[in-house]
Every structure is written in structure tokens, then in C-alpha cells.
């Protein structure tokens, strides 16, 4: 019986074997990366090994990350500070790798503004690498792209990621809600839901799902970010509670087990926010009284409490 299988990509110009991705040959590109290993170092053996592994195994450019010297960034501007670190905008003079130019014998790159994210020093290196791995795993239409790792003059390791022009979903709703059509709102929620499905399909839970951890490149394209608390469903510690109270499911606030369904509850709060422009419980103190009210079955209605029948 003749096989219906065919390779969807062209052949590599250099080795004439089937490409593993669009304009990407794993066999040739892994050798090119390997030849450059002695030209850079993060000064941390574990981080070096992680970056090298991604470069050797990448089957398309989206799976590649690089070590990027901090002096390759210009026009660095502070943007925001969150629970897990600081965020900056910058210009990357090189840009991220897209493919190999066989004629010029150089990496082709795409230049754009990028986002630099540092993590609080209280988080260990394992936590930093874990977030990088999750961000890389979901890079694409579901999660903001990550391009590499760098280290600032204060010796803080930072993630180098795609810059989202509109900032967080919360910021976009604050500044642009009147411009949003119903089509825009539905499309945003579609991409958020699709990203959450992909996270859950890999056996993970986000565990910190709210509008501050979703960013927008356009008015109708939302990307999930901040995977610092992302954990396998098998790893659960009900004694440790993280998150933003208005988005947290009652069972989580009750110190019961966190499940993927708890992420779904958070998505419901995000839906409410996208449709109304108001964060859940926006004019109610986020304190113990609110926790008790949520656990008793109350829900937000334009910031007020209404009992859920």
C-alpha cells in the first residue's frame, strides 16, 4: 500500500534532506549552533546547557532561544512591576533568528521591540528556568514568544520576550474598551481559551490566571504569559495559596485542592471583565470579607455582590 505521508516543507538547500519546519533543517542548524557554543556563556552551567539543548533539538525557529548579551539592548524603558518581577521595554539590535541564509552564510533575523522581564530574587534559578520552559513550550498563537535569556548589570537573569504593544489585557481594557467591537471581544476570549486548553492538554495548571497575566499585541489577539506558578496536575499543595482574590475559585480560597477547573473559574472572571470592562469586585476591598463572600457563593455584578442562586 502506498503511503499518503508527505513532507509539508521544502528540502534543505545545503543537505537536500527534508526540512523539519518552514525553512528550518534540524540537522544542519544544530551543527551551526554547536559550532558557536564556545562563543558565548551565561556564566551558569545549567542555563548554558538548557539553551544549548533547545538549539540542538529545535525543529523550527519558534523552538530556539539564545543567550543574548545585555549590551545588545538599547532604549531600555521601565514599564511595570508585578508580583514576580519587573518588566522593561527595549530595542534588540539583532532580533530573533528566523532561518539560515544559505547564500549569505548567516542567520536571518527579525528586528522588533522586545520585553525584558526580571524575576524577584526570592525566586530560585530552578523557578526561573521552569517559567522559561513553559513559556517556550506554548510559544505561538497561545502564549507570548520568548527569544532568549540575558543578564542585566545587577546580575539578574532576565527573559527576553515579544513586546505586546497594548500591554496587559487589563491595561488594554482600561485604555481601549470603547474601541472594541463584539467581534474583538470574542476573538480575545477565543485565543485565551485556546491557550488555556493547550496548557491543560499537557497536564498543567496555570494557577495564576487573571487579566494582568494576559497581554495584547493587537485589539483582538491575547496571549497568555507569566507561567511562574504553572504546575503539573499531580503537584498540588493546598497549604500554599497564590493568585489574585477576585479571580480565585472558592475551592482554592477554602484551601482545598487546586485543579484545572480552578483555572476555568478564573477564565469565567476574565470573560466577565472583557464583556463589561470592569475587573471583578473592582470597588470592593480584596480582603478576608471578600474571600468569605466568594466562598459563600457570591458573584460580581459591576463590582457589587449578588448571591448566586
C-alpha atoms as a PDB file:
ATOM      1  CA  UNK A   1       0.000   0.000   0.000  1.00  0.00           C
ATOM      2  CA  UNK A   2       1.381   3.404  -0.946  1.00  0.00           C
ATOM      3  CA  UNK A   3       1.862   5.813   1.943  1.00  0.00           C
ATOM      4  CA  UNK A   4      -0.085   9.088   1.837  1.00  0.00           C
ATOM      5  CA  UNK A   5       2.513  10.707   4.075  1.00  0.00           C
ATOM      6  CA  UNK A   6       4.425  13.608   2.589  1.00  0.00           C
ATOM      7  CA  UNK A   7       6.703  16.263   3.982  1.00  0.00           C
ATOM      8  CA  UNK A   8       4.998  19.658   4.004  1.00  0.00           C
ATOM      9  CA  UNK A   9       8.300  21.557   3.917  1.00  0.00           C
ATOM     10  CA  UNK A  10      10.853  22.106   1.170  1.00  0.00           C
ATOM     11  CA  UNK A  11      14.215  20.395   1.140  1.00  0.00           C
ATOM     12  CA  UNK A  12      17.231  21.940   2.817  1.00  0.00           C
ATOM     13  CA  UNK A  13      19.380  23.856   0.328  1.00  0.00           C
ATOM     14  CA  UNK A  14      22.564  22.527   1.918  1.00  0.00           C
ATOM     15  CA  UNK A  15      21.986  18.842   2.706  1.00  0.00           C
ATOM     16  CA  UNK A  16      18.996  18.267   0.371  1.00  0.00           C
ATOM     17  CA  UNK A  17      17.119  16.426   3.134  1.00  0.00           C
ATOM     18  CA  UNK A  18      13.547  17.280   4.110  1.00  0.00           C
ATOM     19  CA  UNK A  19      13.290  20.364   6.311  1.00  0.00           C
ATOM     20  CA  UNK A  20      11.779  19.801   9.765  1.00  0.00           C
ATOM     21  CA  UNK A  21       9.949  23.142   9.704  1.00  0.00           C
ATOM     22  CA  UNK A  22       9.402  26.122   7.417  1.00  0.00           C
ATOM     23  CA  UNK A  23      12.893  27.000   6.110  1.00  0.00           C
ATOM     24  CA  UNK A  24      14.379  25.013   9.002  1.00  0.00           C
ATOM     25  CA  UNK A  25      16.679  21.980   8.856  1.00  0.00           C
ATOM     26  CA  UNK A  26      17.373  20.496  12.263  1.00  0.00           C
ATOM     27  CA  UNK A  27      20.372  18.507  11.012  1.00  0.00           C
ATOM     28  CA  UNK A  28      22.216  21.497   9.543  1.00  0.00           C
ATOM     29  CA  UNK A  29      21.118  24.158  12.022  1.00  0.00           C
ATOM     30  CA  UNK A  30      22.008  22.099  15.088  1.00  0.00           C
ATOM     31  CA  UNK A  31      25.562  21.815  13.725  1.00  0.00           C
ATOM     32  CA  UNK A  32      25.696  25.563  13.173  1.00  0.00           C
ATOM     33  CA  UNK A  33      24.558  26.264  16.711  1.00  0.00           C
ATOM     34  CA  UNK A  34      27.033  23.737  18.100  1.00  0.00           C
ATOM     35  CA  UNK A  35      29.917  25.428  16.287  1.00  0.00           C
ATOM     36  CA  UNK A  36      29.032  28.652  18.123  1.00  0.00           C
ATOM     37  CA  UNK A  37      28.796  27.181  21.634  1.00  0.00           C
ATOM     38  CA  UNK A  38      32.264  28.405  22.608  1.00  0.00           C
ATOM     39  CA  UNK A  39      31.420  31.970  21.581  1.00  0.00           C
ATOM     40  CA  UNK A  40      29.001  32.658  24.408  1.00  0.00           C
ATOM     41  CA  UNK A  41      28.208  31.769  28.026  1.00  0.00           C
ATOM     42  CA  UNK A  42      25.639  32.820  30.608  1.00  0.00           C
ATOM     43  CA  UNK A  43      28.232  32.097  33.310  1.00  0.00           C
ATOM     44  CA  UNK A  44      25.889  29.434  34.637  1.00  0.00           C
ATOM     45  CA  UNK A  45      26.420  25.827  33.513  1.00  0.00           C
ATOM     46  CA  UNK A  46      22.766  24.816  33.925  1.00  0.00           C
ATOM     47  CA  UNK A  47      21.442  27.754  31.913  1.00  0.00           C
ATOM     48  CA  UNK A  48      24.074  27.173  29.222  1.00  0.00           C
ATOM     49  CA  UNK A  49      23.061  23.530  28.978  1.00  0.00           C
ATOM     50  CA  UNK A  50      19.375  24.398  28.718  1.00  0.00           C
ATOM     51  CA  UNK A  51      19.930  26.918  25.914  1.00  0.00           C
ATOM     52  CA  UNK A  52      22.186  24.509  24.024  1.00  0.00           C
ATOM     53  CA  UNK A  53      19.626  21.727  24.253  1.00  0.00           C
ATOM     54  CA  UNK A  54      16.889  23.898  22.732  1.00  0.00           C
ATOM     55  CA  UNK A  55      19.197  24.843  19.867  1.00  0.00           C
ATOM     56  CA  UNK A  56      20.233  21.247  19.147  1.00  0.00           C
ATOM     57  CA  UNK A  57      16.696  19.842  19.207  1.00  0.00           C
ATOM     58  CA  UNK A  58      14.754  22.691  17.535  1.00  0.00           C
ATOM     59  CA  UNK A  59      12.691  21.576  14.535  1.00  0.00           C
ATOM     60  CA  UNK A  60      11.551  25.150  13.757  1.00  0.00           C
ATOM     61  CA  UNK A  61      12.685  28.622  14.722  1.00  0.00           C
ATOM     62  CA  UNK A  62       9.953  29.025  17.357  1.00  0.00           C
ATOM     63  CA  UNK A  63      11.695  26.371  19.477  1.00  0.00           C
ATOM     64  CA  UNK A  64      15.009  28.246  19.637  1.00  0.00           C
ATOM     65  CA  UNK A  65      16.201  30.508  22.429  1.00  0.00           C
ATOM     66  CA  UNK A  66      19.567  32.250  22.665  1.00  0.00           C
ATOM     67  CA  UNK A  67      21.942  33.721  25.210  1.00  0.00           C
ATOM     68  CA  UNK A  68      21.796  37.457  24.483  1.00  0.00           C
ATOM     69  CA  UNK A  69      24.455  39.816  25.922  1.00  0.00           C
ATOM     70  CA  UNK A  70      22.796  42.752  27.659  1.00  0.00           C
ATOM     71  CA  UNK A  71      24.742  45.271  25.576  1.00  0.00           C
ATOM     72  CA  UNK A  72      22.679  44.205  22.543  1.00  0.00           C
ATOM     73  CA  UNK A  73      19.714  46.099  24.008  1.00  0.00           C
ATOM     74  CA  UNK A  74      19.086  49.828  23.594  1.00  0.00           C
ATOM     75  CA  UNK A  75      16.383  52.319  24.597  1.00  0.00           C
ATOM     76  CA  UNK A  76      15.542  50.375  27.740  1.00  0.00           C
ATOM     77  CA  UNK A  77      12.415  51.750  29.410  1.00  0.00           C
ATOM     78  CA  UNK A  78      10.786  50.630  32.659  1.00  0.00           C
ATOM     79  CA  UNK A  79       7.164  49.537  32.123  1.00  0.00           C
ATOM     80  CA  UNK A  80       5.730  47.862  35.179  1.00  0.00           C
ATOM     81  CA  UNK A  81       6.308  45.829  38.313  1.00  0.00           C
ATOM     82  CA  UNK A  82       4.299  42.744  39.167  1.00  0.00           C
ATOM     83  CA  UNK A  83       4.241  40.103  41.838  1.00  0.00           C
ATOM     84  CA  UNK A  84       7.072  38.177  40.230  1.00  0.00           C
ATOM     85  CA  UNK A  85       9.381  40.846  38.867  1.00  0.00           C
ATOM     86  CA  UNK A  86       9.946  43.968  36.789  1.00  0.00           C
ATOM     87  CA  UNK A  87       9.170  44.466  33.116  1.00  0.00           C
ATOM     88  CA  UNK A  88      11.046  46.695  30.668  1.00  0.00           C
ATOM     89  CA  UNK A  89      10.729  47.538  27.001  1.00  0.00           C
ATOM     90  CA  UNK A  90      13.851  47.672  24.822  1.00  0.00           C
ATOM     91  CA  UNK A  91      15.182  47.527  21.275  1.00  0.00           C
ATOM     92  CA  UNK A  92      17.188  44.410  20.379  1.00  0.00           C
ATOM     93  CA  UNK A  93      19.775  45.418  17.799  1.00  0.00           C
ATOM     94  CA  UNK A  94      19.991  41.900  16.333  1.00  0.00           C
ATOM     95  CA  UNK A  95      16.471  40.483  16.500  1.00  0.00           C
ATOM     96  CA  UNK A  96      15.379  36.870  16.820  1.00  0.00           C
ATOM     97  CA  UNK A  97      16.501  34.081  14.464  1.00  0.00           C
ATOM     98  CA  UNK A  98      14.029  33.046  11.755  1.00  0.00           C
ATOM     99  CA  UNK A  99      16.134  30.857   9.447  1.00  0.00           C
ATOM    100  CA  UNK A 100      19.574  30.284   7.909  1.00  0.00           C
ATOM    101  CA  UNK A 101      20.579  32.285   4.839  1.00  0.00           C
ATOM    102  CA  UNK A 102      22.463  29.729   2.716  1.00  0.00           C
ATOM    103  CA  UNK A 103      23.641  32.406   0.287  1.00  0.00           C
ATOM    104  CA  UNK A 104      24.969  34.875   2.851  1.00  0.00           C
ATOM    105  CA  UNK A 105      26.005  32.154   5.314  1.00  0.00           C
ATOM    106  CA  UNK A 106      24.389  33.995   8.221  1.00  0.00           C
ATOM    107  CA  UNK A 107      21.319  33.699  10.437  1.00  0.00           C
ATOM    108  CA  UNK A 108      18.378  35.679   9.146  1.00  0.00           C
ATOM    109  CA  UNK A 109      16.793  37.708  11.917  1.00  0.00           C
ATOM    110  CA  UNK A 110      13.663  39.771  12.518  1.00  0.00           C
ATOM    111  CA  UNK A 111      14.123  43.020  14.426  1.00  0.00           C
ATOM    112  CA  UNK A 112      11.475  44.391  16.743  1.00  0.00           C
ATOM    113  CA  UNK A 113      10.937  45.880  20.177  1.00  0.00           C
ATOM    114  CA  UNK A 114      11.196  43.310  22.939  1.00  0.00           C
ATOM    115  CA  UNK A 115      10.201  42.953  26.554  1.00  0.00           C
ATOM    116  CA  UNK A 116      12.711  42.218  29.322  1.00  0.00           C
ATOM    117  CA  UNK A 117      11.341  40.529  32.417  1.00  0.00           C
ATOM    118  CA  UNK A 118      13.357  40.087  35.588  1.00  0.00           C
ATOM    119  CA  UNK A 119      12.230  37.780  38.359  1.00  0.00           C
ATOM    120  CA  UNK A 120      12.302  38.638  42.053  1.00  0.00           C
ATOM    121  CA  UNK A 121      15.487  37.453  43.737  1.00  0.00           C
ATOM    122  CA  UNK A 122      13.357  35.388  46.113  1.00  0.00           C
ATOM    123  CA  UNK A 123      12.681  33.003  43.221  1.00  0.00           C
ATOM    124  CA  UNK A 124      15.433  30.465  42.705  1.00  0.00           C
ATOM    125  CA  UNK A 125      17.100  29.580  39.433  1.00  0.00           C
ATOM    126  CA  UNK A 126      15.009  26.425  39.097  1.00  0.00           C
ATOM    127  CA  UNK A 127      11.855  28.521  39.219  1.00  0.00           C
ATOM    128  CA  UNK A 128      13.267  30.883  36.611  1.00  0.00           C
ATOM    129  CA  UNK A 129      14.168  28.048  34.249  1.00  0.00           C
ATOM    130  CA  UNK A 130      10.807  26.385  34.799  1.00  0.00           C
ATOM    131  CA  UNK A 131       8.991  29.538  33.706  1.00  0.00           C
ATOM    132  CA  UNK A 132      11.260  29.831  30.653  1.00  0.00           C
ATOM    133  CA  UNK A 133      10.499  26.208  29.703  1.00  0.00           C
ATOM    134  CA  UNK A 134       6.740  26.701  29.979  1.00  0.00           C
ATOM    135  CA  UNK A 135       6.850  29.992  28.076  1.00  0.00           C
ATOM    136  CA  UNK A 136       8.851  28.317  25.301  1.00  0.00           C
ATOM    137  CA  UNK A 137       6.577  25.267  25.192  1.00  0.00           C
ATOM    138  CA  UNK A 138       3.493  27.362  24.442  1.00  0.00           C
ATOM    139  CA  UNK A 139       5.154  29.985  22.224  1.00  0.00           C
ATOM    140  CA  UNK A 140       2.953  30.808  19.245  1.00  0.00           C
ATOM    141  CA  UNK A 141      -0.662  31.823  18.959  1.00  0.00           C
ATOM    142  CA  UNK A 142      -1.342  30.837  22.592  1.00  0.00           C
ATOM    143  CA  UNK A 143       1.484  32.370  24.614  1.00  0.00           C
ATOM    144  CA  UNK A 144       3.773  35.341  24.150  1.00  0.00           C
ATOM    145  CA  UNK A 145       7.004  34.416  22.353  1.00  0.00           C
ATOM    146  CA  UNK A 146      10.255  34.035  24.285  1.00  0.00           C
ATOM    147  CA  UNK A 147      13.502  34.626  22.401  1.00  0.00           C
ATOM    148  CA  UNK A 148      16.221  34.105  24.962  1.00  0.00           C
ATOM    149  CA  UNK A 149      17.853  34.845  28.307  1.00  0.00           C
ATOM    150  CA  UNK A 150      20.108  37.719  29.313  1.00  0.00           C
ATOM    151  CA  UNK A 151      21.632  39.180  32.490  1.00  0.00           C
ATOM    152  CA  UNK A 152      21.491  42.843  33.449  1.00  0.00           C
ATOM    153  CA  UNK A 153      24.320  44.841  35.101  1.00  0.00           C
ATOM    154  CA  UNK A 154      22.812  43.986  38.515  1.00  0.00           C
ATOM    155  CA  UNK A 155      23.474  40.286  37.740  1.00  0.00           C
ATOM    156  CA  UNK A 156      19.781  39.467  37.455  1.00  0.00           C
ATOM    157  CA  UNK A 157      18.817  36.921  34.825  1.00  0.00           C
ATOM    158  CA  UNK A 158      16.016  38.162  32.586  1.00  0.00           C
ATOM    159  CA  UNK A 159      13.726  36.653  29.990  1.00  0.00           C
ATOM    160  CA  UNK A 160      13.731  38.267  26.558  1.00  0.00           C
ATOM    161  CA  UNK A 161      10.210  38.117  25.143  1.00  0.00           C
ATOM    162  CA  UNK A 162       7.924  39.519  22.483  1.00  0.00           C
ATOM    163  CA  UNK A 163       6.744  43.038  23.263  1.00  0.00           C
ATOM    164  CA  UNK A 164       2.970  43.425  23.390  1.00  0.00           C
ATOM    165  CA  UNK A 165       2.067  46.936  22.223  1.00  0.00           C
ATOM    166  CA  UNK A 166      -1.139  47.242  24.243  1.00  0.00           C
ATOM    167  CA  UNK A 167       0.335  45.802  27.434  1.00  0.00           C
ATOM    168  CA  UNK A 168      -1.756  43.635  29.709  1.00  0.00           C
ATOM    169  CA  UNK A 169      -5.364  42.777  28.902  1.00  0.00           C
ATOM    170  CA  UNK A 170      -6.320  44.859  31.933  1.00  0.00           C
ATOM    171  CA  UNK A 171      -4.438  47.877  30.563  1.00  0.00           C
ATOM    172  CA  UNK A 172      -5.936  47.395  27.107  1.00  0.00           C
ATOM    173  CA  UNK A 173      -9.461  47.292  28.538  1.00  0.00           C
ATOM    174  CA  UNK A 174      -8.764  50.441  30.563  1.00  0.00           C
ATOM    175  CA  UNK A 175      -7.460  52.386  27.566  1.00  0.00           C
ATOM    176  CA  UNK A 176      -9.299  50.970  24.578  1.00  0.00           C
ATOM    177  CA  UNK A 177     -12.583  49.425  25.697  1.00  0.00           C
ATOM    178  CA  UNK A 178     -14.716  51.867  23.680  1.00  0.00           C
ATOM    179  CA  UNK A 179     -12.848  50.843  20.510  1.00  0.00           C
ATOM    180  CA  UNK A 180     -13.592  47.145  20.968  1.00  0.00           C
ATOM    181  CA  UNK A 181     -16.316  45.553  18.881  1.00  0.00           C
ATOM    182  CA  UNK A 182     -18.102  42.402  19.970  1.00  0.00           C
ATOM    183  CA  UNK A 183     -16.002  40.600  17.374  1.00  0.00           C
ATOM    184  CA  UNK A 184     -12.821  41.893  19.071  1.00  0.00           C
ATOM    185  CA  UNK A 185     -14.044  40.700  22.463  1.00  0.00           C
ATOM    186  CA  UNK A 186     -14.974  37.233  21.218  1.00  0.00           C
ATOM    187  CA  UNK A 187     -11.653  36.862  19.392  1.00  0.00           C
ATOM    188  CA  UNK A 188      -9.695  37.821  22.507  1.00  0.00           C
ATOM    189  CA  UNK A 189     -11.588  35.273  24.578  1.00  0.00           C
ATOM    190  CA  UNK A 190     -11.139  32.647  21.856  1.00  0.00           C
ATOM    191  CA  UNK A 191      -7.343  32.959  21.939  1.00  0.00           C
ATOM    192  CA  UNK A 192      -7.277  32.988  25.740  1.00  0.00           C
ATOM    193  CA  UNK A 193      -9.459  29.860  25.880  1.00  0.00           C
ATOM    194  CA  UNK A 194      -7.366  28.152  23.207  1.00  0.00           C
ATOM    195  CA  UNK A 195      -4.199  28.870  25.164  1.00  0.00           C
ATOM    196  CA  UNK A 196      -5.715  27.512  28.364  1.00  0.00           C
ATOM    197  CA  UNK A 197      -6.792  24.344  26.529  1.00  0.00           C
ATOM    198  CA  UNK A 198      -3.218  23.819  25.324  1.00  0.00           C
ATOM    199  CA  UNK A 199      -1.894  24.246  28.863  1.00  0.00           C
ATOM    200  CA  UNK A 200      -4.413  21.754  30.228  1.00  0.00           C
ATOM    201  CA  UNK A 201      -3.792  19.253  27.422  1.00  0.00           C
ATOM    202  CA  UNK A 202      -0.167  18.985  28.549  1.00  0.00           C
ATOM    203  CA  UNK A 203      -1.299  18.115  32.087  1.00  0.00           C
ATOM    204  CA  UNK A 204      -0.533  21.520  33.587  1.00  0.00           C
ATOM    205  CA  UNK A 205      -2.430  24.171  35.542  1.00  0.00           C
ATOM    206  CA  UNK A 206      -1.665  27.893  35.211  1.00  0.00           C
ATOM    207  CA  UNK A 207      -2.633  28.706  38.834  1.00  0.00           C
ATOM    208  CA  UNK A 208      -2.355  32.489  38.435  1.00  0.00           C
ATOM    209  CA  UNK A 209      -4.860  33.234  35.698  1.00  0.00           C
ATOM    210  CA  UNK A 210      -6.055  36.840  35.564  1.00  0.00           C
ATOM    211  CA  UNK A 211      -6.120  39.825  33.195  1.00  0.00           C
ATOM    212  CA  UNK A 212      -2.727  41.063  34.361  1.00  0.00           C
ATOM    213  CA  UNK A 213      -1.116  37.839  33.108  1.00  0.00           C
ATOM    214  CA  UNK A 214      -2.576  38.149  29.614  1.00  0.00           C
ATOM    215  CA  UNK A 215      -1.095  40.622  27.124  1.00  0.00           C
ATOM    216  CA  UNK A 216      -2.276  42.092  23.825  1.00  0.00           C
ATOM    217  CA  UNK A 217      -0.301  42.709  20.648  1.00  0.00           C
ATOM    218  CA  UNK A 218      -3.465  43.959  18.891  1.00  0.00           C
ATOM    219  CA  UNK A 219      -7.026  44.730  19.964  1.00  0.00           C
ATOM    220  CA  UNK A 220      -8.119  41.191  19.118  1.00  0.00           C
ATOM    221  CA  UNK A 221      -5.120  38.993  19.917  1.00  0.00           C
ATOM    222  CA  UNK A 222      -4.485  37.948  23.507  1.00  0.00           C
ATOM    223  CA  UNK A 223      -1.500  35.919  24.687  1.00  0.00           C
ATOM    224  CA  UNK A 224      -1.065  34.113  27.995  1.00  0.00           C
ATOM    225  CA  UNK A 225       2.104  34.883  29.937  1.00  0.00           C
ATOM    226  CA  UNK A 226       3.574  34.549  33.442  1.00  0.00           C
ATOM    227  CA  UNK A 227       3.956  30.812  33.918  1.00  0.00           C
ATOM    228  CA  UNK A 228       5.784  31.180  37.230  1.00  0.00           C
ATOM    229  CA  UNK A 229       3.183  29.172  39.155  1.00  0.00           C
ATOM    230  CA  UNK A 230       2.345  26.731  36.358  1.00  0.00           C
ATOM    231  CA  UNK A 231       2.412  23.192  37.766  1.00  0.00           C
ATOM    232  CA  UNK A 232       1.514  19.641  36.736  1.00  0.00           C
ATOM    233  CA  UNK A 233      -1.876  18.482  37.998  1.00  0.00           C
ATOM    234  CA  UNK A 234      -0.028  15.873  40.072  1.00  0.00           C
ATOM    235  CA  UNK A 235       1.802  18.576  42.049  1.00  0.00           C
ATOM    236  CA  UNK A 236      -0.635  20.203  44.409  1.00  0.00           C
ATOM    237  CA  UNK A 237      -0.149  21.793  47.801  1.00  0.00           C
ATOM    238  CA  UNK A 238      -3.426  23.143  49.229  1.00  0.00           C
ATOM    239  CA  UNK A 239      -1.475  24.847  52.030  1.00  0.00           C
ATOM    240  CA  UNK A 240       0.101  27.258  49.526  1.00  0.00           C
ATOM    241  CA  UNK A 241      -2.362  29.756  48.077  1.00  0.00           C
ATOM    242  CA  UNK A 242      -1.316  32.121  45.316  1.00  0.00           C
ATOM    243  CA  UNK A 243      -3.215  34.370  42.971  1.00  0.00           C
ATOM    244  CA  UNK A 244      -5.442  37.436  42.867  1.00  0.00           C
ATOM    245  CA  UNK A 245      -8.501  37.016  45.094  1.00  0.00           C
ATOM    246  CA  UNK A 246     -11.276  38.136  42.659  1.00  0.00           C
ATOM    247  CA  UNK A 247     -10.145  35.540  40.113  1.00  0.00           C
ATOM    248  CA  UNK A 248      -9.647  32.649  42.539  1.00  0.00           C
ATOM    249  CA  UNK A 249     -12.122  29.784  42.706  1.00  0.00           C
ATOM    250  CA  UNK A 250     -13.950  29.184  46.012  1.00  0.00           C
ATOM    251  CA  UNK A 251     -12.348  25.761  46.474  1.00  0.00           C
ATOM    252  CA  UNK A 252      -8.896  27.371  46.214  1.00  0.00           C
ATOM    253  CA  UNK A 253      -9.772  30.042  48.777  1.00  0.00           C
ATOM    254  CA  UNK A 254     -11.127  27.262  51.005  1.00  0.00           C
ATOM    255  CA  UNK A 255      -7.640  25.685  50.916  1.00  0.00           C
ATOM    256  CA  UNK A 256      -8.877  22.684  49.034  1.00  0.00           C
ATOM    257  CA  UNK A 257      -7.106  21.186  46.073  1.00  0.00           C
ATOM    258  CA  UNK A 258      -6.379  23.384  43.051  1.00  0.00           C
ATOM    259  CA  UNK A 259      -7.451  21.710  39.790  1.00  0.00           C
ATOM    260  CA  UNK A 260      -7.703  22.625  36.128  1.00  0.00           C
ATOM    261  CA  UNK A 261     -11.332  23.524  36.875  1.00  0.00           C
ATOM    262  CA  UNK A 262      -9.989  26.308  39.100  1.00  0.00           C
ATOM    263  CA  UNK A 263      -8.321  27.796  36.021  1.00  0.00           C
ATOM    264  CA  UNK A 264     -11.689  27.605  34.255  1.00  0.00           C
ATOM    265  CA  UNK A 265     -13.289  29.618  37.059  1.00  0.00           C
ATOM    266  CA  UNK A 266     -10.596  32.270  36.575  1.00  0.00           C
ATOM    267  CA  UNK A 267     -11.357  32.299  32.858  1.00  0.00           C
ATOM    268  CA  UNK A 268     -15.005  32.968  33.726  1.00  0.00           C
ATOM    269  CA  UNK A 269     -13.929  36.067  35.660  1.00  0.00           C
ATOM    270  CA  UNK A 270     -11.853  37.162  32.656  1.00  0.00           C
ATOM    271  CA  UNK A 271     -14.908  36.729  30.406  1.00  0.00           C
ATOM    272  CA  UNK A 272     -16.893  38.965  32.741  1.00  0.00           C
ATOM    273  CA  UNK A 273     -14.116  41.540  32.590  1.00  0.00           C
ATOM    274  CA  UNK A 274     -13.826  41.530  28.790  1.00  0.00           C
ATOM    275  CA  UNK A 275     -17.578  41.942  28.333  1.00  0.00           C
ATOM    276  CA  UNK A 276     -18.064  44.694  30.936  1.00  0.00           C
ATOM    277  CA  UNK A 277     -14.609  46.395  31.077  1.00  0.00           C
ATOM    278  CA  UNK A 278     -14.745  46.087  34.884  1.00  0.00           C
ATOM    279  CA  UNK A 279     -12.420  43.794  36.871  1.00  0.00           C
ATOM    280  CA  UNK A 280     -14.435  41.501  39.169  1.00  0.00           C
ATOM    281  CA  UNK A 281     -15.156  43.187  42.520  1.00  0.00           C
ATOM    282  CA  UNK A 282     -13.269  46.285  41.361  1.00  0.00           C
ATOM    283  CA  UNK A 283     -14.704  48.610  44.054  1.00  0.00           C
ATOM    284  CA  UNK A 284     -14.728  46.143  46.934  1.00  0.00           C
ATOM    285  CA  UNK A 285     -11.699  45.670  49.217  1.00  0.00           C
ATOM    286  CA  UNK A 286      -9.846  42.475  48.385  1.00  0.00           C
ATOM    287  CA  UNK A 287      -9.773  41.244  51.931  1.00  0.00           C
ATOM    288  CA  UNK A 288     -10.966  38.428  54.169  1.00  0.00           C
ATOM    289  CA  UNK A 289     -14.570  39.601  53.892  1.00  0.00           C
ATOM    290  CA  UNK A 290     -14.473  39.199  50.111  1.00  0.00           C
ATOM    291  CA  UNK A 291     -12.908  35.749  50.455  1.00  0.00           C
ATOM    292  CA  UNK A 292     -15.768  34.655  52.726  1.00  0.00           C
ATOM    293  CA  UNK A 293     -18.362  36.130  50.341  1.00  0.00           C
ATOM    294  CA  UNK A 294     -16.900  34.264  47.356  1.00  0.00           C
ATOM    295  CA  UNK A 295     -16.782  31.021  49.335  1.00  0.00           C
ATOM    296  CA  UNK A 296     -20.456  31.557  50.215  1.00  0.00           C
ATOM    297  CA  UNK A 297     -21.381  31.635  46.534  1.00  0.00           C
ATOM    298  CA  UNK A 298     -21.467  35.325  45.723  1.00  0.00           C
ATOM    299  CA  UNK A 299     -20.538  36.658  42.290  1.00  0.00           C
ATOM    300  CA  UNK A 300     -19.560  40.065  40.884  1.00  0.00           C
ATOM    301  CA  UNK A 301     -22.084  42.330  39.196  1.00  0.00           C
ATOM    302  CA  UNK A 302     -20.348  45.551  38.148  1.00  0.00           C
ATOM    303  CA  UNK A 303     -18.342  45.422  41.320  1.00  0.00           C
ATOM    304  CA  UNK A 304     -21.265  44.716  43.625  1.00  0.00           C
ATOM    305  CA  UNK A 305     -22.034  41.425  45.340  1.00  0.00           C
ATOM    306  CA  UNK A 306     -25.013  39.368  44.280  1.00  0.00           C
ATOM    307  CA  UNK A 307     -25.866  35.995  45.666  1.00  0.00           C
ATOM    308  CA  UNK A 308     -25.525  33.151  43.214  1.00  0.00           C
ATOM    309  CA  UNK A 309     -28.731  31.130  43.261  1.00  0.00           C
END
